[in-house]
Amino acid sequence: MKSKMVEASLLTEHDFGKDFKFYEHIIGHQHHDHIICIECGKIEEFVDEKIEELQAAAAKGKGFTITGHDLNIYGICEDCQAKKK
């Protein structure tokens, strides 16, 4: 069931696979993507213009107009990598 705030386009809902939802406000929040640590759950936001350009080119090449997208990268953060050493 969607949150009333998601339905009202005030929040966006993310499911990063940790059995619970993450919410971010939309108003005044610049588009960004996420890198998620699969060990501790740390989430970093980032913006990369090259990635945005590649996505636009891929969509154009397939005859699509982008209306939105989500990019999530999963890995192990520096802190968790250091703990394993």
PDB file of N, CA and C in Angstrom:
ATOM      1  N   MET A   1       0.841  -1.184   0.000  1.00  0.00           N
ATOM      2  CA  MET A   1       0.000   0.000   0.000  1.00  0.00           C
ATOM      3  C   MET A   1       0.883   1.243   0.000  1.00  0.00           C
ATOM      4  N   LYS A   2       0.619   2.156  -0.905  1.00  0.00           N
ATOM      5  CA  LYS A   2       1.415   3.370  -1.007  1.00  0.00           C
ATOM      6  C   LYS A   2       1.045   4.364   0.087  1.00  0.00           C
ATOM      7  N   SER A   3       2.051   5.070   0.537  1.00  0.00           N
ATOM      8  CA  SER A   3       1.868   6.140   1.514  1.00  0.00           C
ATOM      9  C   SER A   3       1.073   7.280   0.873  1.00  0.00           C
ATOM     10  N   LYS A   4       0.277   7.951   1.670  1.00  0.00           N
ATOM     11  CA  LYS A   4      -0.482   9.115   1.173  1.00  0.00           C
ATOM     12  C   LYS A   4       0.466  10.196   0.665  1.00  0.00           C
ATOM     13  N   MET A   5       1.628  10.346   1.314  1.00  0.00           N
ATOM     14  CA  MET A   5       2.589  11.368   0.894  1.00  0.00           C
ATOM     15  C   MET A   5       3.252  10.990  -0.434  1.00  0.00           C
ATOM     16  N   VAL A   6       3.415   9.701  -0.696  1.00  0.00           N
ATOM     17  CA  VAL A   6       3.934   9.253  -1.990  1.00  0.00           C
ATOM     18  C   VAL A   6       2.870   9.499  -3.056  1.00  0.00           C
ATOM     19  N   GLU A   7       1.628   9.152  -2.744  1.00  0.00           N
ATOM     20  CA  GLU A   7       0.528   9.385  -3.690  1.00  0.00           C
ATOM     21  C   GLU A   7       0.367  10.862  -4.015  1.00  0.00           C
ATOM     22  N   ALA A   8       0.659  11.734  -3.043  1.00  0.00           N
ATOM     23  CA  ALA A   8       0.538  13.175  -3.240  1.00  0.00           C
ATOM     24  C   ALA A   8       1.793  13.775  -3.878  1.00  0.00           C
ATOM     25  N   SER A   9       2.753  12.920  -4.253  1.00  0.00           N
ATOM     26  CA  SER A   9       4.017  13.356  -4.873  1.00  0.00           C
ATOM     27  C   SER A   9       4.829  14.282  -3.977  1.00  0.00           C
ATOM     28  N   LEU A  10       4.777  14.043  -2.674  1.00  0.00           N
ATOM     29  CA  LEU A  10       5.601  14.798  -1.731  1.00  0.00           C
ATOM     30  C   LEU A  10       6.853  14.011  -1.339  1.00  0.00           C
ATOM     31  N   LEU A  11       6.746  12.682  -1.403  1.00  0.00           N
ATOM     32  CA  LEU A  11       7.867  11.795  -1.092  1.00  0.00           C
ATOM     33  C   LEU A  11       8.033  10.782  -2.215  1.00  0.00           C
ATOM     34  N   THR A  12       9.243  10.273  -2.347  1.00  0.00           N
ATOM     35  CA  THR A  12       9.489   9.142  -3.238  1.00  0.00           C
ATOM     36  C   THR A  12       9.906   7.958  -2.371  1.00  0.00           C
ATOM     37  N   GLU A  13       9.487   6.780  -2.761  1.00  0.00           N
ATOM     38  CA  GLU A  13       9.740   5.576  -1.988  1.00  0.00           C
ATOM     39  C   GLU A  13      10.841   4.756  -2.657  1.00  0.00           C
ATOM     40  N   HIS A  14      11.791   4.280  -1.849  1.00  0.00           N
ATOM     41  CA  HIS A  14      12.872   3.424  -2.341  1.00  0.00           C
ATOM     42  C   HIS A  14      12.854   2.115  -1.570  1.00  0.00           C
ATOM     43  N   ASP A  15      13.098   1.044  -2.277  1.00  0.00           N
ATOM     44  CA  ASP A  15      13.236  -0.268  -1.653  1.00  0.00           C
ATOM     45  C   ASP A  15      14.612  -0.782  -2.017  1.00  0.00           C
ATOM     46  N   PHE A  16      15.550  -0.708  -1.061  1.00  0.00           N
ATOM     47  CA  PHE A  16      16.918  -1.136  -1.308  1.00  0.00           C
ATOM     48  C   PHE A  16      17.164  -2.562  -0.819  1.00  0.00           C
ATOM     49  N   GLY A  17      16.094  -3.327  -0.608  1.00  0.00           N
ATOM     50  CA  GLY A  17      16.217  -4.726  -0.275  1.00  0.00           C
ATOM     51  C   GLY A  17      16.552  -5.030   1.166  1.00  0.00           C
ATOM     52  N   LYS A  18      16.256  -4.161   2.079  1.00  0.00           N
ATOM     53  CA  LYS A  18      16.555  -4.393   3.491  1.00  0.00           C
ATOM     54  C   LYS A  18      15.283  -4.638   4.300  1.00  0.00           C
ATOM     55  N   ASP A  19      14.224  -5.082   3.652  1.00  0.00           N
ATOM     56  CA  ASP A  19      12.951  -5.392   4.304  1.00  0.00           C
ATOM     57  C   ASP A  19      12.250  -4.182   4.914  1.00  0.00           C
ATOM     58  N   PHE A  20      12.637  -2.989   4.494  1.00  0.00           N
ATOM     59  CA  PHE A  20      11.906  -1.795   4.882  1.00  0.00           C
ATOM     60  C   PHE A  20      12.113  -0.739   3.808  1.00  0.00           C
ATOM     61  N   LYS A  21      11.265   0.250   3.796  1.00  0.00           N
ATOM     62  CA  LYS A  21      11.278   1.277   2.759  1.00  0.00           C
ATOM     63  C   LYS A  21      12.036   2.520   3.229  1.00  0.00           C
ATOM     64  N   PHE A  22      12.657   3.198   2.275  1.00  0.00           N
ATOM     65  CA  PHE A  22      13.303   4.481   2.523  1.00  0.00           C
ATOM     66  C   PHE A  22      12.492   5.535   1.782  1.00  0.00           C
ATOM     67  N   TYR A  23      12.330   6.692   2.391  1.00  0.00           N
ATOM     68  CA  TYR A  23      11.561   7.773   1.772  1.00  0.00           C
ATOM     69  C   TYR A  23      12.413   9.027   1.703  1.00  0.00           C
ATOM     70  N   GLU A  24      12.282   9.755   0.589  1.00  0.00           N
ATOM     71  CA  GLU A  24      12.969  11.032   0.409  1.00  0.00           C
ATOM     72  C   GLU A  24      11.955  12.063  -0.046  1.00  0.00           C
ATOM     73  N   HIS A  25      12.149  13.291   0.445  1.00  0.00           N
ATOM     74  CA  HIS A  25      11.247  14.347  -0.012  1.00  0.00           C
ATOM     75  C   HIS A  25      11.594  14.704  -1.448  1.00  0.00           C
ATOM     76  N   ILE A  26      10.613  15.160  -2.179  1.00  0.00           N
ATOM     77  CA  ILE A  26      10.778  15.466  -3.599  1.00  0.00           C
ATOM     78  C   ILE A  26      10.953  16.964  -3.828  1.00  0.00           C
ATOM     79  N   ILE A  27      10.198  17.764  -3.132  1.00  0.00           N
ATOM     80  CA  ILE A  27      10.178  19.206  -3.376  1.00  0.00           C
ATOM     81  C   ILE A  27      11.541  19.811  -3.072  1.00  0.00           C
ATOM     82  N   GLY A  28      12.136  20.436  -4.089  1.00  0.00           N
ATOM     83  CA  GLY A  28      13.425  21.089  -3.929  1.00  0.00           C
ATOM     84  C   GLY A  28      14.608  20.138  -3.808  1.00  0.00           C
ATOM     85  N   HIS A  29      14.386  18.850  -4.052  1.00  0.00           N
ATOM     86  CA  HIS A  29      15.455  17.858  -3.939  1.00  0.00           C
ATOM     87  C   HIS A  29      15.929  17.497  -5.340  1.00  0.00           C
ATOM     88  N   GLN A  30      17.174  17.784  -5.631  1.00  0.00           N
ATOM     89  CA  GLN A  30      17.751  17.520  -6.945  1.00  0.00           C
ATOM     90  C   GLN A  30      17.799  16.020  -7.234  1.00  0.00           C
ATOM     91  N   HIS A  31      17.599  15.656  -8.495  1.00  0.00           N
ATOM     92  CA  HIS A  31      17.708  14.253  -8.896  1.00  0.00           C
ATOM     93  C   HIS A  31      19.100  13.739  -8.540  1.00  0.00           C
ATOM     94  N   HIS A  32      19.149  12.508  -8.054  1.00  0.00           N
ATOM     95  CA  HIS A  32      20.419  11.868  -7.716  1.00  0.00           C
ATOM     96  C   HIS A  32      20.239  10.349  -7.757  1.00  0.00           C
ATOM     97  N   ASP A  33      21.350   9.655  -7.718  1.00  0.00           N
ATOM     98  CA  ASP A  33      21.343   8.203  -7.695  1.00  0.00           C
ATOM     99  C   ASP A  33      21.927   7.746  -6.359  1.00  0.00           C
ATOM    100  N   HIS A  34      21.967   6.435  -6.133  1.00  0.00           N
ATOM    101  CA  HIS A  34      22.377   5.914  -4.832  1.00  0.00           C
ATOM    102  C   HIS A  34      23.419   4.804  -4.959  1.00  0.00           C
ATOM    103  N   ILE A  35      24.345   4.781  -3.993  1.00  0.00           N
ATOM    104  CA  ILE A  35      25.269   3.672  -3.801  1.00  0.00           C
ATOM    105  C   ILE A  35      24.951   3.119  -2.414  1.00  0.00           C
ATOM    106  N   ILE A  36      24.683   1.807  -2.330  1.00  0.00           N
ATOM    107  CA  ILE A  36      24.219   1.189  -1.082  1.00  0.00           C
ATOM    108  C   ILE A  36      25.196   0.099  -0.659  1.00  0.00           C
ATOM    109  N   CYS A  37      25.638   0.147   0.603  1.00  0.00           N
ATOM    110  CA  CYS A  37      26.513  -0.889   1.142  1.00  0.00           C
ATOM    111  C   CYS A  37      25.659  -2.090   1.545  1.00  0.00           C
ATOM    112  N   ILE A  38      26.010  -3.257   1.019  1.00  0.00           N
ATOM    113  CA  ILE A  38      25.242  -4.464   1.321  1.00  0.00           C
ATOM    114  C   ILE A  38      25.599  -5.056   2.685  1.00  0.00           C
ATOM    115  N   GLU A  39      26.643  -4.533   3.313  1.00  0.00           N
ATOM    116  CA  GLU A  39      27.046  -5.011   4.639  1.00  0.00           C
ATOM    117  C   GLU A  39      26.353  -4.223   5.753  1.00  0.00           C
ATOM    118  N   CYS A  40      26.527  -2.901   5.751  1.00  0.00           N
ATOM    119  CA  CYS A  40      26.014  -2.077   6.863  1.00  0.00           C
ATOM    120  C   CYS A  40      24.765  -1.276   6.503  1.00  0.00           C
ATOM    121  N   GLY A  41      24.420  -1.202   5.205  1.00  0.00           N
ATOM    122  CA  GLY A  41      23.238  -0.462   4.786  1.00  0.00           C
ATOM    123  C   GLY A  41      23.468   1.014   4.538  1.00  0.00           C
ATOM    124  N   LYS A  42      24.700   1.481   4.637  1.00  0.00           N
ATOM    125  CA  LYS A  42      25.021   2.892   4.370  1.00  0.00           C
ATOM    126  C   LYS A  42      24.578   3.248   2.956  1.00  0.00           C
ATOM    127  N   ILE A  43      23.972   4.421   2.810  1.00  0.00           N
ATOM    128  CA  ILE A  43      23.505   4.895   1.510  1.00  0.00           C
ATOM    129  C   ILE A  43      24.158   6.229   1.209  1.00  0.00           C
ATOM    130  N   GLU A  44      24.812   6.322   0.071  1.00  0.00           N
ATOM    131  CA  GLU A  44      25.418   7.572  -0.394  1.00  0.00           C
ATOM    132  C   GLU A  44      24.661   8.035  -1.634  1.00  0.00           C
ATOM    133  N   GLU A  45      24.351   9.315  -1.676  1.00  0.00           N
ATOM    134  CA  GLU A  45      23.732   9.906  -2.862  1.00  0.00           C
ATOM    135  C   GLU A  45      24.839  10.462  -3.752  1.00  0.00           C
ATOM    136  N   PHE A  46      24.627  10.402  -5.072  1.00  0.00           N
ATOM    137  CA  PHE A  46      25.601  11.007  -5.984  1.00  0.00           C
ATOM    138  C   PHE A  46      24.913  11.461  -7.265  1.00  0.00           C
ATOM    139  N   VAL A  47      25.566  12.393  -7.945  1.00  0.00           N
ATOM    140  CA  VAL A  47      25.132  12.872  -9.257  1.00  0.00           C
ATOM    141  C   VAL A  47      26.335  12.754 -10.178  1.00  0.00           C
ATOM    142  N   ASP A  48      26.146  12.162 -11.338  1.00  0.00           N
ATOM    143  CA  ASP A  48      27.223  12.021 -12.315  1.00  0.00           C
ATOM    144  C   ASP A  48      26.659  12.349 -13.689  1.00  0.00           C
ATOM    145  N   GLU A  49      27.097  13.454 -14.244  1.00  0.00           N
ATOM    146  CA  GLU A  49      26.569  13.916 -15.532  1.00  0.00           C
ATOM    147  C   GLU A  49      26.850  12.937 -16.665  1.00  0.00           C
ATOM    148  N   LYS A  50      27.987  12.229 -16.608  1.00  0.00           N
ATOM    149  CA  LYS A  50      28.287  11.242 -17.662  1.00  0.00           C
ATOM    150  C   LYS A  50      27.250  10.122 -17.662  1.00  0.00           C
ATOM    151  N   ILE A  51      26.860   9.669 -16.471  1.00  0.00           N
ATOM    152  CA  ILE A  51      25.831   8.623 -16.388  1.00  0.00           C
ATOM    153  C   ILE A  51      24.512   9.144 -16.949  1.00  0.00           C
ATOM    154  N   GLU A  52      24.162  10.377 -16.610  1.00  0.00           N
ATOM    155  CA  GLU A  52      22.922  10.969 -17.121  1.00  0.00           C
ATOM    156  C   GLU A  52      22.955  11.053 -18.654  1.00  0.00           C
ATOM    157  N   GLU A  53      24.095  11.447 -19.210  1.00  0.00           N
ATOM    158  CA  GLU A  53      24.234  11.546 -20.662  1.00  0.00           C
ATOM    159  C   GLU A  53      24.108  10.172 -21.325  1.00  0.00           C
ATOM    160  N   LEU A  54      24.731   9.153 -20.713  1.00  0.00           N
ATOM    161  CA  LEU A  54      24.644   7.797 -21.265  1.00  0.00           C
ATOM    162  C   LEU A  54      23.213   7.272 -21.247  1.00  0.00           C
ATOM    163  N   GLN A  55      22.491   7.560 -20.180  1.00  0.00           N
ATOM    164  CA  GLN A  55      21.091   7.127 -20.093  1.00  0.00           C
ATOM    165  C   GLN A  55      20.247   7.824 -21.150  1.00  0.00           C
ATOM    166  N   ALA A  56      20.485   9.117 -21.346  1.00  0.00           N
ATOM    167  CA  ALA A  56      19.737   9.872 -22.358  1.00  0.00           C
ATOM    168  C   ALA A  56      20.032   9.330 -23.748  1.00  0.00           C
ATOM    169  N   ALA A  57      21.301   9.023 -24.020  1.00  0.00           N
ATOM    170  CA  ALA A  57      21.675   8.486 -25.329  1.00  0.00           C
ATOM    171  C   ALA A  57      21.056   7.103 -25.545  1.00  0.00           C
ATOM    172  N   ALA A  58      21.055   6.273 -24.511  1.00  0.00           N
ATOM    173  CA  ALA A  58      20.465   4.932 -24.621  1.00  0.00           C
ATOM    174  C   ALA A  58      18.969   5.032 -24.909  1.00  0.00           C
ATOM    175  N   ALA A  59      18.293   5.919 -24.198  1.00  0.00           N
ATOM    176  CA  ALA A  59      16.854   6.093 -24.417  1.00  0.00           C
ATOM    177  C   ALA A  59      16.575   6.603 -25.820  1.00  0.00           C
ATOM    178  N   LYS A  60      17.335   7.616 -26.246  1.00  0.00           N
ATOM    179  CA  LYS A  60      17.146   8.169 -27.584  1.00  0.00           C
ATOM    180  C   LYS A  60      17.386   7.102 -28.647  1.00  0.00           C
ATOM    181  N   GLY A  61      18.424   6.284 -28.454  1.00  0.00           N
ATOM    182  CA  GLY A  61      18.746   5.223 -29.408  1.00  0.00           C
ATOM    183  C   GLY A  61      17.644   4.182 -29.541  1.00  0.00           C
ATOM    184  N   LYS A  62      16.842   4.038 -28.502  1.00  0.00           N
ATOM    185  CA  LYS A  62      15.727   3.087 -28.514  1.00  0.00           C
ATOM    186  C   LYS A  62      14.394   3.764 -28.801  1.00  0.00           C
ATOM    187  N   GLY A  63      14.444   5.085 -29.077  1.00  0.00           N
ATOM    188  CA  GLY A  63      13.226   5.814 -29.411  1.00  0.00           C
ATOM    189  C   GLY A  63      12.370   6.185 -28.213  1.00  0.00           C
ATOM    190  N   PHE A  64      12.988   6.244 -27.030  1.00  0.00           N
ATOM    191  CA  PHE A  64      12.249   6.580 -25.808  1.00  0.00           C
ATOM    192  C   PHE A  64      12.497   8.025 -25.396  1.00  0.00           C
ATOM    193  N   THR A  65      11.521   8.594 -24.724  1.00  0.00           N
ATOM    194  CA  THR A  65      11.670   9.864 -24.026  1.00  0.00           C
ATOM    195  C   THR A  65      11.670   9.528 -22.541  1.00  0.00           C
ATOM    196  N   ILE A  66      12.723   9.907 -21.829  1.00  0.00           N
ATOM    197  CA  ILE A  66      12.831   9.591 -20.405  1.00  0.00           C
ATOM    198  C   ILE A  66      11.853  10.445 -19.604  1.00  0.00           C
ATOM    199  N   THR A  67      11.097   9.786 -18.748  1.00  0.00           N
ATOM    200  CA  THR A  67      10.204  10.504 -17.832  1.00  0.00           C
ATOM    201  C   THR A  67      10.680  10.362 -16.389  1.00  0.00           C
ATOM    202  N   GLY A  68      11.658   9.511 -16.176  1.00  0.00           N
ATOM    203  CA  GLY A  68      12.235   9.329 -14.846  1.00  0.00           C
ATOM    204  C   GLY A  68      13.052   8.052 -14.824  1.00  0.00           C
ATOM    205  N   HIS A  69      13.887   7.920 -13.806  1.00  0.00           N
ATOM    206  CA  HIS A  69      14.659   6.688 -13.649  1.00  0.00           C
ATOM    207  C   HIS A  69      15.221   6.605 -12.239  1.00  0.00           C
ATOM    208  N   ASP A  70      15.609   5.392 -11.847  1.00  0.00           N
ATOM    209  CA  ASP A  70      16.288   5.140 -10.577  1.00  0.00           C
ATOM    210  C   ASP A  70      17.542   4.337 -10.889  1.00  0.00           C
ATOM    211  N   LEU A  71      18.656   4.749 -10.312  1.00  0.00           N
ATOM    212  CA  LEU A  71      19.888   3.985 -10.444  1.00  0.00           C
ATOM    213  C   LEU A  71      20.411   3.695  -9.046  1.00  0.00           C
ATOM    214  N   ASN A  72      20.534   2.431  -8.716  1.00  0.00           N
ATOM    215  CA  ASN A  72      21.073   1.996  -7.434  1.00  0.00           C
ATOM    216  C   ASN A  72      22.263   1.094  -7.703  1.00  0.00           C
ATOM    217  N   ILE A  73      23.387   1.410  -7.074  1.00  0.00           N
ATOM    218  CA  ILE A  73      24.594   0.602  -7.191  1.00  0.00           C
ATOM    219  C   ILE A  73      24.832  -0.038  -5.830  1.00  0.00           C
ATOM    220  N   TYR A  74      25.045  -1.350  -5.818  1.00  0.00           N
ATOM    221  CA  TYR A  74      25.264  -2.083  -4.571  1.00  0.00           C
ATOM    222  C   TYR A  74      26.716  -2.514  -4.479  1.00  0.00           C
ATOM    223  N   GLY A  75      27.269  -2.422  -3.278  1.00  0.00           N
ATOM    224  CA  GLY A  75      28.651  -2.821  -3.068  1.00  0.00           C
ATOM    225  C   GLY A  75      28.972  -2.836  -1.583  1.00  0.00           C
ATOM    226  N   ILE A  76      30.260  -2.769  -1.258  1.00  0.00           N
ATOM    227  CA  ILE A  76      30.708  -2.762   0.130  1.00  0.00           C
ATOM    228  C   ILE A  76      31.502  -1.486   0.357  1.00  0.00           C
ATOM    229  N   CYS A  77      31.094  -0.701   1.347  1.00  0.00           N
ATOM    230  CA  CYS A  77      31.710   0.594   1.623  1.00  0.00           C
ATOM    231  C   CYS A  77      33.135   0.436   2.171  1.00  0.00           C
ATOM    232  N   GLU A  78      33.872   1.532   2.195  1.00  0.00           N
ATOM    233  CA  GLU A  78      35.260   1.525   2.691  1.00  0.00           C
ATOM    234  C   GLU A  78      35.356   1.036   4.124  1.00  0.00           C
ATOM    235  N   ASP A  79      34.439   1.487   4.986  1.00  0.00           N
ATOM    236  CA  ASP A  79      34.480   1.091   6.387  1.00  0.00           C
ATOM    237  C   ASP A  79      34.327  -0.420   6.536  1.00  0.00           C
ATOM    238  N   CYS A  80      33.363  -0.994   5.834  1.00  0.00           N
ATOM    239  CA  CYS A  80      33.139  -2.437   5.920  1.00  0.00           C
ATOM    240  C   CYS A  80      34.295  -3.224   5.306  1.00  0.00           C
ATOM    241  N   GLN A  81      34.898  -2.691   4.242  1.00  0.00           N
ATOM    242  CA  GLN A  81      36.061  -3.344   3.648  1.00  0.00           C
ATOM    243  C   GLN A  81      37.225  -3.352   4.641  1.00  0.00           C
ATOM    244  N   ALA A  82      37.416  -2.221   5.349  1.00  0.00           N
ATOM    245  CA  ALA A  82      38.508  -2.107   6.314  1.00  0.00           C
ATOM    246  C   ALA A  82      38.318  -3.074   7.495  1.00  0.00           C
ATOM    247  N   LYS A  83      37.073  -3.302   7.899  1.00  0.00           N
ATOM    248  CA  LYS A  83      36.790  -4.218   9.010  1.00  0.00           C
ATOM    249  C   LYS A  83      37.179  -5.659   8.680  1.00  0.00           C
ATOM    250  N   LYS A  84      37.125  -5.994   7.375  1.00  0.00           N
ATOM    251  CA  LYS A  84      37.431  -7.359   6.948  1.00  0.00           C
ATOM    252  C   LYS A  84      38.935  -7.623   6.863  1.00  0.00           C
ATOM    253  N   LYS A  85      39.739  -6.561   6.875  1.00  0.00           N
ATOM    254  CA  LYS A  85      41.203  -6.725   6.736  1.00  0.00           C
ATOM    255  C   LYS A  85      41.853  -7.036   8.062  1.00  0.00           C
TER     256      LYS A  85
END
